[in-house]
């Protein structure tokens, strides 16, 4: 019997889904962490390498690919449009089987989104979106033949695109309509921009689903199960690529994830009758449908597609050139506003200033300039003091003496305090995780905690 189970397990080839979501318009990662993850050029080469090993994999994206937000500041429009254009060109190189739209993809409107995807001829799936006349806004599904399986993938947006006249129908109704139209298949998968609650709800209501893939503002990297289906998300900002492998042997639920891992762990430690019972449970699960899920980090250890990497380098140069061409540069900040600068603070707080010079904060501006990003308005605020403060500076060319993360980056403008010594004129005690995470954002620096990082700058 055990031999028969092992043969049944070995004879099934898993269907592999490789997907991403919530890139949020990023073409390269923030360079602050030790191993910055998420370069679009790494994503391209990663998929090329994976396809060489498994030509039958299915690759796709779950939306919020082109833009970070629906509302774009006027002064950032040109550079974000340039990034969206790079991501549009990169779709050709990613060779995705399809994409699902996300809410921020419509920052340039319905027509703008269609223009961005048309270049690559990448199929867009959203069975629940329709025009006011009742016509489908996008394709609803695609049927794949992979590993001797007929696989139906239905795209669900899960939202009404802001700034458009598109209309949304209930996802469950859209799914049932497509399934009735397509007829019997071996495996049905929902690829969506739904949140986890909605994804779990669909899995519970609609029988016979293999997986419901989700993408919302939270990371959902631990698979959940409902109604027999696997419900799981992907990463953010292109940092990781998610992989879900589905091995179908019978009609029914899928087993895997933490349940399977716990059983395997317990089986390794067990002996005698307990070991036999646990092994029987594992054999029974492995004789049915199983899944495996993992994420691959796209860090600096990954190689980059050289052509796409060159597009990104050209973008950095473009941002700098764009700023330099904004008329005559204003004079660099010299202390005439509300900020005194670390040089002035250090005249009274000498020991603290010396301690500061040994921290990475004292070289924060250099970390930008070394990458050619010191004129990037989306970066400079976390590498200087006084950015966009009424008494500071608002043109990247005018940073002057406010380079680096200085005293006043945390304590606010201190010129009046420096003049009078009045402690009420300076903000004190602000060094806590909530304040620091304005720059040390969880999505950029996942290892940041008060315990690990604040001792590095402690001076009290």
Protein backbone atom coordinates (compact mmCIF):
# COMPACT_ATOMS: atom_id res chain seq x y z
CA UNK A 1 0.00 0.00 0.00
CA UNK A 2 2.78 2.41 0.94
CA UNK A 3 4.55 1.64 -2.36
CA UNK A 4 1.35 2.44 -4.24
CA UNK A 5 1.01 5.76 -2.43
CA UNK A 6 4.62 6.68 -3.19
CA UNK A 7 4.17 5.85 -6.89
CA UNK A 8 0.98 7.94 -7.03
CA UNK A 9 2.81 10.84 -5.41
CA UNK A 10 5.78 10.63 -7.75
CA UNK A 11 3.69 10.40 -10.93
CA UNK A 12 2.08 13.83 -10.53
CA UNK A 13 3.95 16.86 -11.87
CA UNK A 14 3.14 20.06 -9.97
CA UNK A 15 1.71 23.08 -11.73
CA UNK A 16 3.93 26.04 -10.83
CA UNK A 17 2.61 29.59 -10.47
CA UNK A 18 5.14 32.41 -10.11
CA UNK A 19 3.70 35.80 -9.34
CA UNK A 20 4.21 39.23 -7.85
CA UNK A 21 2.02 42.13 -6.78
CA UNK A 22 2.09 45.65 -5.39
CA UNK A 23 5.28 46.76 -7.11
CA UNK A 24 3.90 50.29 -6.57
CA UNK A 25 5.82 51.87 -9.41
CA UNK A 26 9.26 50.96 -8.05
CA UNK A 27 11.93 50.21 -10.65
CA UNK A 28 14.71 49.76 -8.10
CA UNK A 29 14.80 49.41 -4.31
CA UNK A 30 15.71 52.00 -1.75
CA UNK A 31 19.46 51.68 -1.24
CA UNK A 32 19.35 52.12 2.54
CA UNK A 33 19.03 48.47 3.73
CA UNK A 34 22.08 46.20 3.77
CA UNK A 35 20.68 44.11 0.92
CA UNK A 36 18.21 46.24 -1.03
CA UNK A 37 15.68 44.02 -2.77
CA UNK A 38 13.37 44.50 -5.71
CA UNK A 39 15.12 45.72 -8.88
CA UNK A 40 12.91 45.20 -11.95
CA UNK A 41 15.98 43.99 -13.89
CA UNK A 42 16.43 41.16 -11.36
CA UNK A 43 12.80 40.18 -11.78
CA UNK A 44 13.22 39.91 -15.55
CA UNK A 45 16.31 37.71 -15.37
CA UNK A 46 14.83 35.61 -12.55
CA UNK A 47 11.86 34.65 -14.73
CA UNK A 48 14.12 33.91 -17.69
CA UNK A 49 16.15 31.52 -15.54
CA UNK A 50 13.07 29.85 -14.08
CA UNK A 51 11.49 29.34 -17.50
CA UNK A 52 14.69 27.67 -18.70
CA UNK A 53 14.17 25.07 -15.94
CA UNK A 54 10.38 24.83 -16.23
CA UNK A 55 8.96 26.08 -19.55
CA UNK A 56 5.43 25.23 -18.39
CA UNK A 57 5.31 27.59 -15.40
CA UNK A 58 2.63 30.30 -15.34
CA UNK A 59 3.90 33.80 -14.51
CA UNK A 60 1.74 36.83 -13.74
CA UNK A 61 1.30 39.99 -11.63
CA UNK A 62 -1.56 40.88 -9.28
CA UNK A 63 -1.68 44.63 -9.80
CA UNK A 64 -0.58 48.01 -8.43
CA UNK A 65 2.29 47.57 -10.85
CA UNK A 66 2.70 51.04 -12.39
CA UNK A 67 2.08 53.62 -9.64
CA UNK A 68 2.34 53.95 -5.87
CA UNK A 69 -0.83 55.98 -5.38
CA UNK A 70 -3.77 57.32 -7.35
CA UNK A 71 -2.86 60.90 -6.47
CA UNK A 72 0.48 62.11 -7.83
CA UNK A 73 2.04 65.40 -6.76
CA UNK A 74 2.44 67.76 -9.69
CA UNK A 75 6.20 68.08 -9.20
CA UNK A 76 6.59 64.28 -9.29
CA UNK A 77 4.40 63.61 -12.30
CA UNK A 78 7.15 63.58 -14.91
CA UNK A 79 9.46 61.24 -13.05
CA UNK A 80 6.67 58.86 -12.06
CA UNK A 81 5.47 58.82 -15.66
CA UNK A 82 9.02 57.93 -16.72
CA UNK A 83 9.09 55.06 -14.21
CA UNK A 84 5.74 53.80 -15.46
CA UNK A 85 7.14 53.83 -19.00
CA UNK A 86 10.13 51.72 -17.88
CA UNK A 87 7.78 49.26 -16.20
CA UNK A 88 5.67 49.17 -19.36
CA UNK A 89 8.73 48.29 -21.45
CA UNK A 90 9.75 45.76 -18.82
CA UNK A 91 6.45 43.91 -19.24
CA UNK A 92 7.73 42.86 -22.66
CA UNK A 93 10.83 41.39 -21.06
CA UNK A 94 8.94 39.75 -18.17
CA UNK A 95 6.79 37.87 -20.70
CA UNK A 96 3.98 37.51 -18.19
CA UNK A 97 1.10 35.24 -19.12
CA UNK A 98 -1.33 37.86 -17.82
CA UNK A 99 -1.74 40.66 -15.27
CA UNK A 100 -4.59 41.68 -12.98
CA UNK A 101 -5.10 45.43 -12.45
CA UNK A 102 -4.76 47.09 -9.04
CA UNK A 103 -6.34 50.37 -7.84
CA UNK A 104 -3.22 52.54 -8.26
CA UNK A 105 -2.68 51.31 -11.82
CA UNK A 106 -5.41 53.77 -12.82
CA UNK A 107 -3.52 56.87 -11.68
CA UNK A 108 -3.36 57.83 -15.36
CA UNK A 109 -7.00 56.84 -15.96
CA UNK A 110 -8.53 53.90 -17.84
CA UNK A 111 -7.09 54.99 -21.19
CA UNK A 112 -3.69 55.60 -19.59
CA UNK A 113 -3.62 52.11 -18.10
CA UNK A 114 -4.53 50.54 -21.43
CA UNK A 115 -1.72 52.46 -23.15
CA UNK A 116 0.79 51.20 -20.58
CA UNK A 117 -0.13 47.56 -21.13
CA UNK A 118 -0.69 47.71 -24.90
CA UNK A 119 3.01 47.98 -25.73
CA UNK A 120 3.78 44.56 -24.28
CA UNK A 121 0.52 42.99 -25.48
CA UNK A 122 0.20 41.49 -22.01
CA UNK A 123 -3.27 40.08 -21.37
CA UNK A 124 -5.24 41.84 -18.60
CA UNK A 125 -7.74 39.71 -16.66
CA UNK A 126 -10.62 41.24 -14.66
CA UNK A 127 -13.88 39.33 -14.96
CA UNK A 128 -15.69 41.71 -12.62
CA UNK A 129 -15.05 45.02 -14.47
CA UNK A 130 -17.37 46.35 -17.18
CA UNK A 131 -17.89 49.52 -19.17
CA UNK A 132 -21.13 51.55 -18.67
CA UNK A 133 -22.55 49.87 -21.81
CA UNK A 134 -22.09 46.45 -20.22
CA UNK A 135 -19.10 45.40 -22.29
CA UNK A 136 -16.22 43.65 -20.49
CA UNK A 137 -13.45 46.12 -19.70
CA UNK A 138 -10.84 43.37 -19.98
CA UNK A 139 -10.66 39.66 -20.66
CA UNK A 140 -12.20 37.55 -17.90
CA UNK A 141 -10.06 34.41 -17.92
CA UNK A 142 -7.51 32.25 -19.63
CA UNK A 143 -7.31 28.47 -19.94
CA UNK A 144 -3.83 26.94 -19.80
CA UNK A 145 -2.69 23.42 -20.66
CA UNK A 146 0.14 22.62 -18.26
CA UNK A 147 1.55 19.31 -17.00
CA UNK A 148 -1.31 17.42 -18.67
CA UNK A 149 -3.83 19.54 -16.78
CA UNK A 150 -6.42 21.95 -18.12
CA UNK A 151 -6.18 24.98 -15.84
CA UNK A 152 -8.68 27.83 -15.69
CA UNK A 153 -7.44 31.13 -14.24
CA UNK A 154 -10.04 33.84 -13.61
CA UNK A 155 -8.94 37.41 -12.95
CA UNK A 156 -10.79 39.44 -10.31
CA UNK A 157 -9.97 43.12 -9.69
CA UNK A 158 -12.09 43.43 -6.57
CA UNK A 159 -12.48 47.24 -6.74
CA UNK A 160 -14.03 50.02 -8.79
CA UNK A 161 -11.22 51.95 -10.54
CA UNK A 162 -11.28 55.54 -9.26
CA UNK A 163 -11.47 58.27 -11.86
CA UNK A 164 -13.09 55.99 -14.45
CA UNK A 165 -16.66 55.16 -15.44
CA UNK A 166 -16.05 51.44 -15.14
CA UNK A 167 -18.48 49.37 -13.14
CA UNK A 168 -17.88 46.38 -10.92
CA UNK A 169 -19.98 43.27 -10.55
CA UNK A 170 -19.88 40.93 -7.57
CA UNK A 171 -16.73 38.76 -7.82
CA UNK A 172 -18.58 35.56 -6.92
CA UNK A 173 -21.10 36.16 -9.72
CA UNK A 174 -18.31 36.84 -12.21
CA UNK A 175 -16.49 33.66 -11.20
CA UNK A 176 -19.60 31.51 -11.55
CA UNK A 177 -20.42 33.02 -14.92
CA UNK A 178 -16.95 32.20 -16.28
CA UNK A 179 -16.93 28.68 -14.84
CA UNK A 180 -20.30 27.95 -16.44
CA UNK A 181 -19.07 29.32 -19.76
CA UNK A 182 -15.80 27.37 -19.79
CA UNK A 183 -17.12 24.07 -18.47
CA UNK A 184 -15.13 21.26 -16.83
CA UNK A 185 -11.42 21.79 -16.17
CA UNK A 186 -8.89 20.04 -13.98
CA UNK A 187 -8.00 23.05 -11.85
CA UNK A 188 -9.56 26.50 -11.22
CA UNK A 189 -7.51 29.36 -9.80
CA UNK A 190 -8.62 32.89 -8.91
CA UNK A 191 -5.94 35.57 -9.46
CA UNK A 192 -7.10 38.77 -7.78
CA UNK A 193 -6.40 42.07 -6.10
CA UNK A 194 -8.79 41.11 -3.30
CA UNK A 195 -7.86 41.46 0.36
CA UNK A 196 -7.48 38.33 2.47
CA UNK A 197 -10.93 38.51 4.02
CA UNK A 198 -12.61 38.66 0.59
CA UNK A 199 -10.30 35.95 -0.76
CA UNK A 200 -11.17 33.60 2.09
CA UNK A 201 -14.86 34.41 1.60
CA UNK A 202 -14.76 33.40 -2.06
CA UNK A 203 -12.88 30.19 -1.25
CA UNK A 204 -15.56 29.28 1.30
CA UNK A 205 -18.51 30.09 -0.97
CA UNK A 206 -17.29 28.65 -4.27
CA UNK A 207 -16.50 24.95 -4.27
CA UNK A 208 -13.83 23.26 -6.32
CA UNK A 209 -11.23 26.04 -6.32
CA UNK A 210 -7.55 25.13 -6.09
CA UNK A 211 -6.29 28.58 -5.02
CA UNK A 212 -7.33 32.19 -4.50
CA UNK A 213 -4.34 34.50 -4.88
CA UNK A 214 -4.63 37.91 -3.24
CA UNK A 215 -2.82 41.25 -3.12
CA UNK A 216 -3.64 44.08 -0.75
CA UNK A 217 -1.74 46.59 1.39
CA UNK A 218 -0.65 43.88 3.84
CA UNK A 219 1.82 41.06 3.35
CA UNK A 220 0.09 37.68 3.35
CA UNK A 221 2.95 35.23 3.00
CA UNK A 222 1.52 32.45 5.19
CA UNK A 223 -0.97 30.33 3.23
CA UNK A 224 -4.47 30.05 4.64
CA UNK A 225 -7.02 27.45 3.59
CA UNK A 226 -10.75 27.77 3.11
CA UNK A 227 -13.16 25.45 1.33
CA UNK A 228 -10.20 23.30 0.30
CA UNK A 229 -8.47 26.14 -1.57
CA UNK A 230 -5.13 27.78 -0.80
CA UNK A 231 -5.42 31.53 -0.10
CA UNK A 232 -2.12 33.42 -0.13
CA UNK A 233 -0.54 36.66 -1.35
CA UNK A 234 2.83 37.86 -2.57
CA UNK A 235 5.34 40.56 -1.64
CA UNK A 236 5.55 44.35 -2.01
CA UNK A 237 7.63 46.70 -4.15
CA UNK A 238 9.00 43.78 -6.18
CA UNK A 239 11.15 42.59 -3.28
CA UNK A 240 10.16 38.95 -3.63
CA UNK A 241 8.60 36.63 -6.15
CA UNK A 242 6.02 34.18 -4.82
CA UNK A 243 5.85 30.58 -6.02
CA UNK A 244 2.87 28.29 -5.48
CA UNK A 245 3.13 24.70 -6.70
CA UNK A 246 -0.09 22.69 -6.92
CA UNK A 247 0.00 18.90 -7.25
CA UNK A 248 -3.45 17.56 -8.13
CA UNK A 249 -4.12 13.83 -7.77
CA UNK A 250 -7.84 13.74 -6.96
CA UNK A 251 -10.81 16.08 -6.85
CA UNK A 252 -10.88 17.84 -3.50
CA UNK A 253 -8.99 19.97 -1.00
CA UNK A 254 -5.27 20.79 -1.03
CA UNK A 255 -2.99 20.01 1.90
CA UNK A 256 0.32 21.65 2.69
CA UNK A 257 1.72 24.65 4.48
CA UNK A 258 2.12 24.68 8.24
CA UNK A 259 -0.12 21.62 8.75
CA UNK A 260 2.16 19.48 6.63
CA UNK A 261 5.31 20.94 8.15
CA UNK A 262 4.12 20.24 11.69
CA UNK A 263 3.32 16.65 10.80
CA UNK A 264 6.73 16.16 9.18
CA UNK A 265 8.46 17.68 12.23
CA UNK A 266 6.49 15.52 14.67
CA UNK A 267 7.13 12.42 12.56
CA UNK A 268 10.89 12.98 12.70
CA UNK A 269 10.84 13.03 16.49
CA UNK A 270 8.28 10.29 17.06
CA UNK A 271 8.99 6.61 17.63
CA UNK A 272 7.06 3.35 17.67
CA UNK A 273 3.28 3.42 17.25
CA UNK A 274 3.16 7.22 17.29
CA UNK A 275 5.62 7.38 14.39
CA UNK A 276 3.58 4.85 12.43
CA UNK A 277 0.37 6.81 12.99
CA UNK A 278 1.96 10.08 11.91
CA UNK A 279 3.47 8.43 8.84
CA UNK A 280 0.03 7.09 7.92
CA UNK A 281 -1.40 10.61 8.14
CA UNK A 282 1.40 11.95 5.92
CA UNK A 283 0.90 9.16 3.40
CA UNK A 284 -2.81 9.91 3.25
CA UNK A 285 -2.21 13.62 2.67
CA UNK A 286 0.46 12.98 0.04
CA UNK A 287 -1.90 10.65 -1.81
CA UNK A 288 -4.30 13.57 -2.25
CA UNK A 289 -3.80 17.11 -3.52
CA UNK A 290 -0.82 18.96 -2.08
CA UNK A 291 0.68 22.41 -2.37
CA UNK A 292 4.01 24.06 -1.64
CA UNK A 293 4.54 27.81 -1.24
CA UNK A 294 7.68 29.89 -0.96
CA UNK A 295 9.04 33.34 -1.75
CA UNK A 296 12.35 34.12 -3.44
CA UNK A 297 14.06 37.39 -2.49
CA UNK A 298 15.30 39.57 -5.35
CA UNK A 299 18.33 40.91 -3.50
CA UNK A 300 21.78 42.02 -4.60
CA UNK A 301 22.91 38.42 -4.94
CA UNK A 302 20.63 38.13 -8.00
CA UNK A 303 21.91 39.00 -11.45
CA UNK A 304 20.19 41.69 -13.49
CA UNK A 305 19.05 41.81 -17.08
CA UNK A 306 21.65 44.24 -18.45
CA UNK A 307 19.35 46.11 -20.83
CA UNK A 308 16.62 46.69 -18.25
CA UNK A 309 19.25 47.69 -15.68
CA UNK A 310 20.49 50.29 -18.15
CA UNK A 311 16.98 51.72 -18.47
CA UNK A 312 16.90 52.22 -14.71
CA UNK A 313 20.32 53.90 -14.68
CA UNK A 314 19.11 56.22 -17.41
CA UNK A 315 16.06 57.05 -15.27
CA UNK A 316 18.28 58.12 -12.34
CA UNK A 317 20.23 60.34 -14.72
CA UNK A 318 16.94 61.71 -16.10
CA UNK A 319 15.71 62.73 -12.61
CA UNK A 320 18.94 64.59 -11.91
CA UNK A 321 18.84 66.30 -15.30
CA UNK A 322 15.19 67.21 -14.80
CA UNK A 323 16.00 69.02 -11.55
CA UNK A 324 19.05 70.75 -12.95
CA UNK A 325 16.96 72.17 -15.78
CA UNK A 326 14.40 73.77 -13.45
CA UNK A 327 15.70 77.29 -14.05
CA UNK A 328 18.38 78.94 -11.95
CA UNK A 329 19.26 76.99 -8.83
CA UNK A 330 18.28 78.75 -5.59
CA UNK A 331 21.11 79.45 -3.14
CA UNK A 332 22.01 76.62 -0.80
CA UNK A 333 20.51 76.81 2.69
CA UNK A 334 22.91 78.81 4.87
CA UNK A 335 21.13 79.15 8.21
CA UNK A 336 18.87 82.09 7.47
CA UNK A 337 15.71 80.03 8.01
CA UNK A 338 14.48 78.09 11.08
CA UNK A 339 17.27 75.51 11.11
CA UNK A 340 20.63 76.00 12.77
CA UNK A 341 22.47 72.84 11.49
CA UNK A 342 24.57 70.33 13.41
CA UNK A 343 27.55 72.68 13.36
CA UNK A 344 25.69 75.17 15.55
CA UNK A 345 24.09 72.46 17.73
CA UNK A 346 27.53 70.99 18.34
CA UNK A 347 28.88 74.18 19.93
CA UNK A 348 26.86 73.39 23.08
CA UNK A 349 26.29 69.65 22.63
CA UNK A 350 29.86 68.76 21.73
CA UNK A 351 29.85 65.13 22.97
CA UNK A 352 26.55 64.41 21.23
CA UNK A 353 27.80 65.87 17.96
CA UNK A 354 30.93 63.73 18.16
CA UNK A 355 28.80 60.67 18.82
CA UNK A 356 26.59 61.57 15.84
CA UNK A 357 29.58 61.75 13.48
CA UNK A 358 30.21 58.03 14.11
CA UNK A 359 26.72 57.02 13.00
CA UNK A 360 25.33 56.28 9.54
CA UNK A 361 23.09 59.33 9.93
CA UNK A 362 26.17 61.50 9.48
CA UNK A 363 26.71 59.98 6.00
CA UNK A 364 23.10 59.72 4.87
CA UNK A 365 23.42 62.32 2.12
CA UNK A 366 26.56 60.68 0.77
CA UNK A 367 24.65 57.41 0.41
CA UNK A 368 22.33 59.26 -1.98
CA UNK A 369 24.92 61.23 -3.90
CA UNK A 370 27.07 58.13 -4.45
CA UNK A 371 24.11 56.61 -6.31
CA UNK A 372 23.35 59.81 -8.21
CA UNK A 373 20.01 60.21 -6.40
CA UNK A 374 20.70 63.34 -4.35
CA UNK A 375 18.34 65.38 -6.57
CA UNK A 376 15.47 62.88 -6.30
CA UNK A 377 12.57 64.48 -4.44
CA UNK A 378 11.28 61.07 -3.40
CA UNK A 379 14.52 60.24 -1.59
CA UNK A 380 16.05 63.43 -0.25
CA UNK A 381 13.67 63.98 2.69
CA UNK A 382 15.05 61.01 4.63
CA UNK A 383 18.69 61.99 4.02
CA UNK A 384 18.61 65.63 5.10
CA UNK A 385 17.10 68.01 7.65
CA UNK A 386 14.47 70.66 6.90
CA UNK A 387 13.13 69.21 3.63
CA UNK A 388 9.88 70.96 2.66
CA UNK A 389 9.69 72.72 6.00
CA UNK A 390 8.64 76.39 5.62
CA UNK A 391 11.88 77.44 7.29
CA UNK A 392 14.05 74.85 5.55
CA UNK A 393 14.47 74.08 1.84
CA UNK A 394 12.20 72.72 -0.89
CA UNK A 395 14.51 72.44 -3.90
CA UNK A 396 16.97 69.51 -3.87
CA UNK A 397 19.67 71.81 -5.24
CA UNK A 398 19.34 74.09 -2.21
CA UNK A 399 20.25 71.63 0.56
CA UNK A 400 23.27 73.68 1.63
CA UNK A 401 24.28 72.97 5.25
CA UNK A 402 21.33 70.63 5.88
CA UNK A 403 22.88 67.53 4.35
CA UNK A 404 22.59 64.26 6.29
CA UNK A 405 20.22 63.22 9.09
CA UNK A 406 21.13 65.89 11.62
CA UNK A 407 19.94 66.84 15.10
CA UNK A 408 17.03 68.82 13.68
CA UNK A 409 15.83 65.89 11.56
CA UNK A 410 14.57 64.37 14.80
CA UNK A 411 14.20 67.37 17.10
CA UNK A 412 12.75 69.88 14.66
CA UNK A 413 14.05 73.37 13.80
CA UNK A 414 16.35 74.60 16.55
CA UNK A 415 17.52 78.04 15.58
CA UNK A 416 15.54 79.81 18.30
CA UNK A 417 16.63 77.24 20.87
CA UNK A 418 20.25 77.78 19.84
CA UNK A 419 19.86 81.54 20.29
CA UNK A 420 18.23 81.42 23.73
CA UNK A 421 19.00 78.01 25.22
CA UNK A 422 15.29 77.71 26.03
CA UNK A 423 14.50 73.96 26.16
CA UNK A 424 10.86 74.67 25.41
CA UNK A 425 11.89 75.78 21.92
CA UNK A 426 13.17 72.36 20.85
CA UNK A 427 11.38 69.02 20.59
CA UNK A 428 12.81 66.44 22.97
CA UNK A 429 12.37 62.71 23.48
CA UNK A 430 11.20 61.90 19.93
CA UNK A 431 13.48 58.93 19.30
CA UNK A 432 11.06 56.03 19.25
CA UNK A 433 10.14 53.44 16.64
CA UNK A 434 6.95 55.20 15.53
CA UNK A 435 8.81 58.44 14.80
CA UNK A 436 11.85 56.78 13.22
CA UNK A 437 9.72 54.61 10.95
CA UNK A 438 8.68 57.65 8.98
CA UNK A 439 11.93 56.94 7.14
CA UNK A 440 12.84 53.47 8.35
CA UNK A 441 9.61 52.15 6.87
CA UNK A 442 8.77 48.52 7.42
CA UNK A 443 8.48 47.94 3.67
CA UNK A 444 11.99 49.32 3.14
CA UNK A 445 13.79 48.07 6.23
CA UNK A 446 11.92 45.10 7.66
CA UNK A 447 14.49 44.47 10.43
CA UNK A 448 14.09 47.89 12.08
CA UNK A 449 13.17 47.81 15.78
CA UNK A 450 13.83 50.06 18.76
CA UNK A 451 15.90 47.28 20.31
CA UNK A 452 18.22 46.80 17.33
CA UNK A 453 18.55 50.28 15.84
CA UNK A 454 17.97 53.05 18.39
CA UNK A 455 21.03 52.06 20.50
CA UNK A 456 23.11 52.95 17.43
CA UNK A 457 22.15 56.60 17.74
CA UNK A 458 21.50 56.80 21.50
CA UNK A 459 23.00 59.93 23.06
CA UNK A 460 21.00 60.42 26.24
